[in-house]
Amino acid sequence: MLWLIGYILAVGIGISLGLLGGGGSVLALPVLVYVMGVEPKPRSP
């Protein structure tokens, strides 16, 4: 169920970025981490 919500939010993000031309990572990262459960990759030193 969470995957379906995540995909719906991803489509909404894609449409809003196409219309507004905003930064994708600002909108997509919270959806990927909090809704779809993808672990962020740690930065290398």
C-alpha atoms as a PDB file:
ATOM      1  CA  MET A   1       0.000   0.000   0.000  1.00  0.00           C
ATOM      2  CA  LEU A   2       2.835   2.400   0.817  1.00  0.00           C
ATOM      3  CA  TRP A   3       4.404   1.708  -2.581  1.00  0.00           C
ATOM      4  CA  LEU A   4       1.193   2.769  -4.297  1.00  0.00           C
ATOM      5  CA  ILE A   5       1.093   5.997  -2.295  1.00  0.00           C
ATOM      6  CA  GLY A   6       4.757   6.563  -3.107  1.00  0.00           C
ATOM      7  CA  TYR A   7       4.168   6.124  -6.825  1.00  0.00           C
ATOM      8  CA  ILE A   8       1.197   8.486  -6.747  1.00  0.00           C
ATOM      9  CA  LEU A   9       3.293  11.098  -4.938  1.00  0.00           C
ATOM     10  CA  ALA A  10       6.132  10.557  -7.442  1.00  0.00           C
ATOM     11  CA  VAL A  11       3.768  11.275 -10.322  1.00  0.00           C
ATOM     12  CA  GLY A  12       2.560  14.418  -8.541  1.00  0.00           C
ATOM     13  CA  ILE A  13       6.149  15.536  -8.023  1.00  0.00           C
ATOM     14  CA  GLY A  14       6.932  14.931 -11.695  1.00  0.00           C
ATOM     15  CA  ILE A  15       3.949  16.945 -12.843  1.00  0.00           C
ATOM     16  CA  SER A  16       4.696  19.825 -10.465  1.00  0.00           C
ATOM     17  CA  LEU A  17       8.357  19.900 -11.529  1.00  0.00           C
ATOM     18  CA  GLY A  18       7.337  19.904 -15.161  1.00  0.00           C
ATOM     19  CA  LEU A  19       5.015  22.835 -14.609  1.00  0.00           C
ATOM     20  CA  LEU A  20       7.113  24.858 -12.170  1.00  0.00           C
ATOM     21  CA  GLY A  21      10.684  23.818 -12.963  1.00  0.00           C
ATOM     22  CA  GLY A  22      11.634  23.340  -9.287  1.00  0.00           C
ATOM     23  CA  GLY A  23      14.387  21.263  -7.718  1.00  0.00           C
ATOM     24  CA  GLY A  24      13.503  17.595  -7.798  1.00  0.00           C
ATOM     25  CA  SER A  25      15.559  16.417  -4.841  1.00  0.00           C
ATOM     26  CA  VAL A  26      13.801  18.784  -2.450  1.00  0.00           C
ATOM     27  CA  LEU A  27      10.470  17.136  -3.219  1.00  0.00           C
ATOM     28  CA  ALA A  28      11.524  13.586  -4.080  1.00  0.00           C
ATOM     29  CA  LEU A  29      13.852  12.814  -1.166  1.00  0.00           C
ATOM     30  CA  PRO A  30      11.188  12.941   1.586  1.00  0.00           C
ATOM     31  CA  VAL A  31       8.883  10.732  -0.489  1.00  0.00           C
ATOM     32  CA  LEU A  32      11.613   8.170  -1.109  1.00  0.00           C
ATOM     33  CA  VAL A  33      12.866   8.109   2.489  1.00  0.00           C
ATOM     34  CA  TYR A  34       9.704   8.468   4.564  1.00  0.00           C
ATOM     35  CA  VAL A  35       7.002   6.957   2.355  1.00  0.00           C
ATOM     36  CA  MET A  36       8.809   4.307   0.295  1.00  0.00           C
ATOM     37  CA  GLY A  37      11.438   3.380   2.913  1.00  0.00           C
ATOM     38  CA  VAL A  38      14.559   3.822   0.761  1.00  0.00           C
ATOM     39  CA  GLU A  39      17.662   4.281   2.912  1.00  0.00           C
ATOM     40  CA  PRO A  40      19.768   7.328   1.986  1.00  0.00           C
ATOM     41  CA  LYS A  41      23.328   6.545   0.942  1.00  0.00           C
ATOM     42  CA  PRO A  42      25.910   8.012   3.356  1.00  0.00           C
ATOM     43  CA  ARG A  43      28.321  10.556   1.944  1.00  0.00           C
ATOM     44  CA  SER A  44      31.920   9.487   1.356  1.00  0.00           C
ATOM     45  CA  PRO A  45      34.616  11.592   3.051  1.00  0.00           C
END
